[in-house]
PDB file of N, CA and C in Angstrom:
ATOM      1  N   MET A   1     -20.695  -0.643  19.490  1.00  0.00           N
ATOM      2  CA  MET A   1     -19.769  -1.283  18.964  1.00  0.00           C
ATOM      3  C   MET A   1     -19.258  -2.252  19.734  1.00  0.00           C
ATOM      4  N   GLY A   2     -19.744  -3.585  20.415  1.00  0.00           N
ATOM      5  CA  GLY A   2     -18.633  -4.164  21.314  1.00  0.00           C
ATOM      6  C   GLY A   2     -18.879  -3.383  22.475  1.00  0.00           C
ATOM      7  N   SER A   3     -18.038  -3.437  23.465  1.00  0.00           N
ATOM      8  CA  SER A   3     -18.200  -3.096  24.524  1.00  0.00           C
ATOM      9  C   SER A   3     -17.672  -1.471  24.966  1.00  0.00           C
ATOM     10  N   PHE A   4     -17.551  -0.468  23.981  1.00  0.00           N
ATOM     11  CA  PHE A   4     -17.026   0.555  23.530  1.00  0.00           C
ATOM     12  C   PHE A   4     -18.626   1.484  24.107  1.00  0.00           C
ATOM     13  N   SER A   5     -18.798   2.495  24.716  1.00  0.00           N
ATOM     14  CA  SER A   5     -19.755   3.346  25.010  1.00  0.00           C
ATOM     15  C   SER A   5     -19.782   4.636  24.044  1.00  0.00           C
ATOM     16  N   THR A   6     -20.232   5.199  24.532  1.00  0.00           N
ATOM     17  CA  THR A   6     -20.190   6.982  23.568  1.00  0.00           C
ATOM     18  C   THR A   6     -19.194   7.416  24.689  1.00  0.00           C
ATOM     19  N   SER A   7     -18.917   7.306  25.696  1.00  0.00           N
ATOM     20  CA  SER A   7     -17.562   8.068  26.423  1.00  0.00           C
ATOM     21  C   SER A   7     -16.580   7.604  26.114  1.00  0.00           C
ATOM     22  N   HIS A   8     -16.088   6.256  25.681  1.00  0.00           N
ATOM     23  CA  HIS A   8     -15.293   5.706  25.339  1.00  0.00           C
ATOM     24  C   HIS A   8     -14.786   6.354  23.948  1.00  0.00           C
ATOM     25  N   TRP A   9     -15.727   6.386  22.947  1.00  0.00           N
ATOM     26  CA  TRP A   9     -14.974   6.932  21.893  1.00  0.00           C
ATOM     27  C   TRP A   9     -15.167   8.665  21.668  1.00  0.00           C
ATOM     28  N   LEU A  10     -15.826   9.293  22.740  1.00  0.00           N
ATOM     29  CA  LEU A  10     -15.261  10.326  23.123  1.00  0.00           C
ATOM     30  C   LEU A  10     -13.785  10.658  23.530  1.00  0.00           C
ATOM     31  N   ILE A  11     -13.407   9.813  24.214  1.00  0.00           N
ATOM     32  CA  ILE A  11     -11.877  10.028  24.500  1.00  0.00           C
ATOM     33  C   ILE A  11     -11.333   9.513  23.331  1.00  0.00           C
ATOM     34  N   VAL A  12     -11.352   8.250  22.642  1.00  0.00           N
ATOM     35  CA  VAL A  12     -10.763   8.234  21.575  1.00  0.00           C
ATOM     36  C   VAL A  12     -10.834   9.306  20.756  1.00  0.00           C
ATOM     37  N   LEU A  13     -11.843  10.130  20.429  1.00  0.00           N
ATOM     38  CA  LEU A  13     -11.703  11.277  19.408  1.00  0.00           C
ATOM     39  C   LEU A  13     -11.173  12.325  20.030  1.00  0.00           C
ATOM     40  N   ALA A  14     -11.190  12.652  21.146  1.00  0.00           N
ATOM     41  CA  ALA A  14     -10.217  13.871  22.075  1.00  0.00           C
ATOM     42  C   ALA A  14      -8.600  13.758  21.775  1.00  0.00           C
ATOM     43  N   ILE A  15      -8.515  12.318  22.529  1.00  0.00           N
ATOM     44  CA  ILE A  15      -7.035  11.757  21.928  1.00  0.00           C
ATOM     45  C   ILE A  15      -6.370  11.817  20.314  1.00  0.00           C
ATOM     46  N   VAL A  16      -7.320  11.780  19.665  1.00  0.00           N
ATOM     47  CA  VAL A  16      -6.971  11.790  18.040  1.00  0.00           C
ATOM     48  C   VAL A  16      -6.825  13.354  17.972  1.00  0.00           C
ATOM     49  N   VAL A  17      -7.383  13.849  18.045  1.00  0.00           N
ATOM     50  CA  VAL A  17      -7.496  15.745  18.387  1.00  0.00           C
ATOM     51  C   VAL A  17      -6.292  16.346  18.588  1.00  0.00           C
ATOM     52  N   LEU A  18      -6.047  15.323  19.845  1.00  0.00           N
ATOM     53  CA  LEU A  18      -4.639  16.229  20.703  1.00  0.00           C
ATOM     54  C   LEU A  18      -3.224  15.509  19.797  1.00  0.00           C
ATOM     55  N   LEU A  19      -3.535  14.539  19.129  1.00  0.00           N
ATOM     56  CA  LEU A  19      -2.091  13.606  18.539  1.00  0.00           C
ATOM     57  C   LEU A  19      -2.217  14.717  17.264  1.00  0.00           C
ATOM     58  N   PHE A  20      -3.214  14.455  16.733  1.00  0.00           N
ATOM     59  CA  PHE A  20      -2.990  15.355  15.099  1.00  0.00           C
ATOM     60  C   PHE A  20      -3.609  16.514  14.964  1.00  0.00           C
ATOM     61  N   GLY A  21      -4.113  17.091  15.867  1.00  0.00           N
ATOM     62  CA  GLY A  21      -4.759  18.515  15.878  1.00  0.00           C
ATOM     63  C   GLY A  21      -6.254  18.836  14.545  1.00  0.00           C
ATOM     64  N   ALA A  22      -6.390  19.461  14.945  1.00  0.00           N
ATOM     65  CA  ALA A  22      -7.849  19.716  13.994  1.00  0.00           C
ATOM     66  C   ALA A  22      -8.127  19.735  12.648  1.00  0.00           C
ATOM     67  N   LYS A  23      -6.882  20.448  12.412  1.00  0.00           N
ATOM     68  CA  LYS A  23      -6.622  20.791  10.809  1.00  0.00           C
ATOM     69  C   LYS A  23      -6.303  19.793  10.153  1.00  0.00           C
ATOM     70  N   LYS A  24      -5.325  18.452  10.623  1.00  0.00           N
ATOM     71  CA  LYS A  24      -4.774  17.283  10.098  1.00  0.00           C
ATOM     72  C   LYS A  24      -6.095  16.565  10.156  1.00  0.00           C
ATOM     73  N   ILE A  25      -6.869  16.455  10.653  1.00  0.00           N
ATOM     74  CA  ILE A  25      -8.089  15.141  10.473  1.00  0.00           C
ATOM     75  C   ILE A  25      -8.656  15.192   9.676  1.00  0.00           C
ATOM     76  N   PRO A  26      -9.073  16.119   8.750  1.00  0.00           N
ATOM     77  CA  PRO A  26      -9.453  15.830   7.025  1.00  0.00           C
ATOM     78  C   PRO A  26      -8.557  15.698   6.442  1.00  0.00           C
ATOM     79  N   ASP A  27      -7.222  15.711   6.273  1.00  0.00           N
ATOM     80  CA  ASP A  27      -6.517  15.208   5.289  1.00  0.00           C
ATOM     81  C   ASP A  27      -5.898  14.144   5.723  1.00  0.00           C
ATOM     82  N   LEU A  28      -6.123  13.564   7.230  1.00  0.00           N
ATOM     83  CA  LEU A  28      -5.865  12.232   7.370  1.00  0.00           C
ATOM     84  C   LEU A  28      -6.813  11.214   6.626  1.00  0.00           C
ATOM     85  N   ALA A  29      -7.995  11.310   7.498  1.00  0.00           N
ATOM     86  CA  ALA A  29      -9.273  10.813   6.492  1.00  0.00           C
ATOM     87  C   ALA A  29      -9.306  10.511   5.158  1.00  0.00           C
ATOM     88  N   LYS A  30      -8.839  11.923   4.324  1.00  0.00           N
ATOM     89  CA  LYS A  30      -8.761  11.838   2.787  1.00  0.00           C
ATOM     90  C   LYS A  30      -7.933  10.885   2.493  1.00  0.00           C
ATOM     91  N   SER A  31      -6.571  11.161   3.021  1.00  0.00           N
ATOM     92  CA  SER A  31      -5.263   9.913   2.101  1.00  0.00           C
ATOM     93  C   SER A  31      -6.349   8.510   2.772  1.00  0.00           C
ATOM     94  N   ILE A  32      -6.681   8.126   4.199  1.00  0.00           N
ATOM     95  CA  ILE A  32      -7.241   7.110   4.224  1.00  0.00           C
ATOM     96  C   ILE A  32      -7.832   6.530   3.182  1.00  0.00           C
ATOM     97  N   GLY A  33      -8.693   7.329   2.863  1.00  0.00           N
ATOM     98  CA  GLY A  33     -10.015   6.816   2.238  1.00  0.00           C
ATOM     99  C   GLY A  33      -9.081   7.094   0.338  1.00  0.00           C
ATOM    100  N   GLN A  34      -8.542   7.202   0.219  1.00  0.00           N
ATOM    101  CA  GLN A  34      -7.661   7.180  -1.221  1.00  0.00           C
ATOM    102  C   GLN A  34      -6.744   5.774  -1.106  1.00  0.00           C
ATOM    103  N   GLY A  35      -6.395   5.396   0.238  1.00  0.00           N
ATOM    104  CA  GLY A  35      -5.791   4.289  -0.172  1.00  0.00           C
ATOM    105  C   GLY A  35      -6.508   3.227   0.074  1.00  0.00           C
ATOM    106  N   ILE A  36      -7.654   3.049   0.712  1.00  0.00           N
ATOM    107  CA  ILE A  36      -8.400   2.036   0.700  1.00  0.00           C
ATOM    108  C   ILE A  36      -9.009   2.123  -0.772  1.00  0.00           C
ATOM    109  N   LYS A  37      -9.309   3.179  -1.597  1.00  0.00           N
ATOM    110  CA  LYS A  37     -10.281   2.780  -2.575  1.00  0.00           C
ATOM    111  C   LYS A  37      -8.626   2.379  -3.887  1.00  0.00           C
ATOM    112  N   GLY A  38      -7.560   2.954  -3.577  1.00  0.00           N
ATOM    113  CA  GLY A  38      -6.502   2.151  -4.388  1.00  0.00           C
ATOM    114  C   GLY A  38      -6.358   0.617  -3.778  1.00  0.00           C
ATOM    115  N   PHE A  39      -6.482   0.408  -2.588  1.00  0.00           N
ATOM    116  CA  PHE A  39      -6.343  -1.045  -2.507  1.00  0.00           C
ATOM    117  C   PHE A  39      -7.263  -1.944  -3.247  1.00  0.00           C
ATOM    118  N   LYS A  40      -8.654  -1.588  -3.150  1.00  0.00           N
ATOM    119  CA  LYS A  40     -10.072  -2.066  -3.591  1.00  0.00           C
ATOM    120  C   LYS A  40      -9.452  -2.200  -5.298  1.00  0.00           C
ATOM    121  N   LYS A  41      -9.279  -1.181  -5.523  1.00  0.00           N
ATOM    122  CA  LYS A  41      -9.032  -1.350  -7.629  1.00  0.00           C
ATOM    123  C   LYS A  41      -7.723  -2.085  -7.741  1.00  0.00           C
ATOM    124  N   GLU A  42      -6.957  -2.076  -6.775  1.00  0.00           N
ATOM    125  CA  GLU A  42      -5.685  -2.944  -7.442  1.00  0.00           C
ATOM    126  C   GLU A  42      -6.321  -4.739  -6.761  1.00  0.00           C
ATOM    127  N   MET A  43      -7.201  -4.868  -5.976  1.00  0.00           N
ATOM    128  CA  MET A  43      -7.490  -6.315  -5.757  1.00  0.00           C
ATOM    129  C   MET A  43      -8.819  -6.477  -6.955  1.00  0.00           C
ATOM    130  N   ARG A  44      -9.736  -5.609  -7.317  1.00  0.00           N
ATOM    131  CA  ARG A  44     -10.153  -5.890  -8.511  1.00  0.00           C
ATOM    132  C   ARG A  44      -9.492  -5.492  -9.875  1.00  0.00           C
ATOM    133  N   ASP A  45      -8.218  -5.284 -10.114  1.00  0.00           N
ATOM    134  CA  ASP A  45      -7.763  -5.416 -10.744  1.00  0.00           C
ATOM    135  C   ASP A  45      -6.533  -6.823 -11.184  1.00  0.00           C
ATOM    136  N   GLU A  46      -6.223  -7.354  -9.957  1.00  0.00           N
ATOM    137  CA  GLU A  46      -6.049  -8.601  -9.945  1.00  0.00           C
ATOM    138  C   GLU A  46      -6.838  -9.629 -10.502  1.00  0.00           C
ATOM    139  N   ASP A  47      -8.150  -9.730 -10.082  1.00  0.00           N
ATOM    140  CA  ASP A  47      -8.689 -10.679 -10.605  1.00  0.00           C
ATOM    141  C   ASP A  47      -8.873 -11.045 -12.130  1.00  0.00           C
ATOM    142  N   GLU A  48      -8.808  -9.395 -12.782  1.00  0.00           N
ATOM    143  CA  GLU A  48      -9.103  -9.137 -14.519  1.00  0.00           C
ATOM    144  C   GLU A  48      -7.512  -9.577 -14.834  1.00  0.00           C
ATOM    145  N   PRO A  49      -7.685 -10.207 -15.518  1.00  0.00           N
ATOM    146  CA  PRO A  49      -6.586 -10.157 -16.966  1.00  0.00           C
ATOM    147  C   PRO A  49      -6.089  -8.643 -17.713  1.00  0.00           C
ATOM    148  N   THR A  50      -4.980  -8.620 -17.401  1.00  0.00           N
ATOM    149  CA  THR A  50      -4.483  -7.039 -18.181  1.00  0.00           C
ATOM    150  C   THR A  50      -3.836  -7.114 -18.864  1.00  0.00           C
ATOM    151  N   ALA A  51      -3.503  -6.342 -19.780  1.00  0.00           N
ATOM    152  CA  ALA A  51      -2.371  -5.993 -20.478  1.00  0.00           C
ATOM    153  C   ALA A  51      -0.692  -6.749 -19.871  1.00  0.00           C
ATOM    154  N   SER A  52      -0.715  -6.273 -18.392  1.00  0.00           N
ATOM    155  CA  SER A  52       0.662  -6.718 -18.075  1.00  0.00           C
ATOM    156  C   SER A  52       0.719  -7.969 -17.775  1.00  0.00           C
ATOM    157  N   THR A  53       0.076  -8.878 -17.696  1.00  0.00           N
ATOM    158  CA  THR A  53      -0.280 -10.329 -17.626  1.00  0.00           C
ATOM    159  C   THR A  53       0.140 -10.747 -18.746  1.00  0.00           C
ATOM    160  N   THR A  54       0.331 -10.331 -20.138  1.00  0.00           N
ATOM    161  CA  THR A  54      -0.011 -10.843 -21.444  1.00  0.00           C
ATOM    162  C   THR A  54       1.550 -11.593 -21.212  1.00  0.00           C
ATOM    163  N   PRO A  55       2.087 -12.444 -22.270  1.00  0.00           N
ATOM    164  CA  PRO A  55       3.464 -13.100 -22.587  1.00  0.00           C
ATOM    165  C   PRO A  55       4.272 -12.201 -22.769  1.00  0.00           C
ATOM    166  N   GLU A  56       4.087 -10.960 -23.972  1.00  0.00           N
ATOM    167  CA  GLU A  56       5.092 -10.349 -23.974  1.00  0.00           C
ATOM    168  C   GLU A  56       5.649  -9.699 -22.859  1.00  0.00           C
ATOM    169  N   ALA A  57       4.826  -9.236 -22.216  1.00  0.00           N
ATOM    170  CA  ALA A  57       5.374  -8.298 -20.632  1.00  0.00           C
ATOM    171  C   ALA A  57       5.947  -9.128 -19.714  1.00  0.00           C
ATOM    172  N   HIS A  58       5.711 -10.678 -19.640  1.00  0.00           N
ATOM    173  CA  HIS A  58       6.622 -11.610 -19.420  1.00  0.00           C
ATOM    174  C   HIS A  58       7.766 -11.295 -19.784  1.00  0.00           C
ATOM    175  N   LYS A  59       8.063 -11.406 -21.073  1.00  0.00           N
ATOM    176  CA  LYS A  59       9.273 -11.515 -21.819  1.00  0.00           C
ATOM    177  C   LYS A  59       9.942 -10.530 -21.565  1.00  0.00           C
ATOM    178  N   HIS A  60       9.149  -9.355 -21.735  1.00  0.00           N
ATOM    179  CA  HIS A  60       9.883  -7.944 -20.992  1.00  0.00           C
ATOM    180  C   HIS A  60      10.595  -7.704 -20.162  1.00  0.00           C
ATOM    181  N   VAL A  61      10.203  -8.507 -18.709  1.00  0.00           N
ATOM    182  CA  VAL A  61      10.616  -8.568 -17.349  1.00  0.00           C
ATOM    183  C   VAL A  61      11.556  -9.594 -17.364  1.00  0.00           C
ATOM    184  N   GLU A  62      11.801 -10.908 -18.317  1.00  0.00           N
ATOM    185  CA  GLU A  62      12.952 -11.450 -18.395  1.00  0.00           C
ATOM    186  C   GLU A  62      13.981 -11.282 -18.494  1.00  0.00           C
ATOM    187  N   SER A  63      13.812 -10.436 -20.084  1.00  0.00           N
ATOM    188  CA  SER A  63      14.998  -9.809 -20.914  1.00  0.00           C
ATOM    189  C   SER A  63      15.300  -8.746 -19.735  1.00  0.00           C
ATOM    190  N   ALA A  64      14.669  -8.196 -18.809  1.00  0.00           N
ATOM    191  CA  ALA A  64      15.349  -7.380 -17.946  1.00  0.00           C
ATOM    192  C   ALA A  64      16.387  -7.478 -16.970  1.00  0.00           C
ATOM    193  N   THR A  65      15.743  -8.839 -16.524  1.00  0.00           N
ATOM    194  CA  THR A  65      16.378  -9.179 -15.144  1.00  0.00           C
ATOM    195  C   THR A  65      17.350 -10.211 -15.555  1.00  0.00           C
ATOM    196  N   THR A  66      17.404 -10.455 -16.778  1.00  0.00           N
ATOM    197  CA  THR A  66      18.711 -11.421 -17.526  1.00  0.00           C
ATOM    198  C   THR A  66      19.946 -10.286 -17.616  1.00  0.00           C
ATOM    199  N   ASN A  67      19.652  -9.191 -17.719  1.00  0.00           N
ATOM    200  CA  ASN A  67      20.844  -7.841 -17.823  1.00  0.00           C
ATOM    201  C   ASN A  67      21.567  -7.532 -17.044  1.00  0.00           C
ATOM    202  N   VAL A  68      21.264  -8.071 -15.721  1.00  0.00           N
ATOM    203  CA  VAL A  68      21.718  -7.760 -14.320  1.00  0.00           C
ATOM    204  C   VAL A  68      23.306  -8.606 -14.447  1.00  0.00           C
ATOM    205  N   GLU A  69      24.149  -8.028 -14.224  1.00  0.00           N
ATOM    206  CA  GLU A  69      25.764  -8.196 -13.920  1.00  0.00           C
ATOM    207  C   GLU A  69      25.579  -9.041 -12.418  1.00  0.00           C
ATOM    208  N   THR A  70      26.325 -10.278 -12.571  1.00  0.00           N
ATOM    209  CA  THR A  70      26.479 -11.040 -11.180  1.00  0.00           C
ATOM    210  C   THR A  70      27.947 -10.446 -10.649  1.00  0.00           C
ATOM    211  N   PRO A  71      27.872 -10.417  -9.720  1.00  0.00           N
ATOM    212  CA  PRO A  71      28.876  -9.773  -8.597  1.00  0.00           C
ATOM    213  C   PRO A  71      30.168 -10.966  -8.688  1.00  0.00           C
ATOM    214  N   LYS A  72      31.744 -10.286  -8.921  1.00  0.00           N
ATOM    215  CA  LYS A  72      32.667 -11.056  -9.207  1.00  0.00           C
ATOM    216  C   LYS A  72      33.303 -11.727  -8.025  1.00  0.00           C
ATOM    217  N   THR A  73      33.683 -12.577  -7.488  1.00  0.00           N
ATOM    218  CA  THR A  73      33.874 -13.347  -6.226  1.00  0.00           C
ATOM    219  C   THR A  73      35.191 -13.420  -6.450  1.00  0.00           C
ATOM    220  N   THR A  74      36.339 -12.954  -5.417  1.00  0.00           N
ATOM    221  CA  THR A  74      37.414 -13.541  -5.929  1.00  0.00           C
ATOM    222  C   THR A  74      37.470 -15.041  -4.991  1.00  0.00           C
ATOM    223  N   SER A  75      38.718 -15.702  -5.469  1.00  0.00           N
ATOM    224  CA  SER A  75      39.063 -16.872  -4.808  1.00  0.00           C
ATOM    225  C   SER A  75      39.552 -16.697  -3.430  1.00  0.00           C
ATOM    226  N   GLN A  76      39.798 -17.220  -2.291  1.00  0.00           N
ATOM    227  CA  GLN A  76      40.055 -17.091  -1.379  1.00  0.00           C
ATOM    228  C   GLN A  76      41.275 -18.389  -0.877  1.00  0.00           C
ATOM    229  N   ALA A  77      42.136 -17.963  -0.569  1.00  0.00           N
ATOM    230  CA  ALA A  77      43.546 -19.244  -0.958  1.00  0.00           C
ATOM    231  C   ALA A  77      43.573 -19.623   0.629  1.00  0.00           C
TER     232      ALA A  77
END
């Protein structure tokens, strides 16, 4: 991969182990994998129309935002 040799990758790996500890690395890798999986799922769902993009869902969102009170301002003399 590029200009990195095996010794460079070993140094990077040693730094990662020192920073996170050997016990945390599998948890870190698992959470990164879950994040990537979730991201791919959201990107796939974005392309497909879902129930949340129906007109009824938009009406629900609009009605929820119209019930917000506006802050009252005082007139400055």
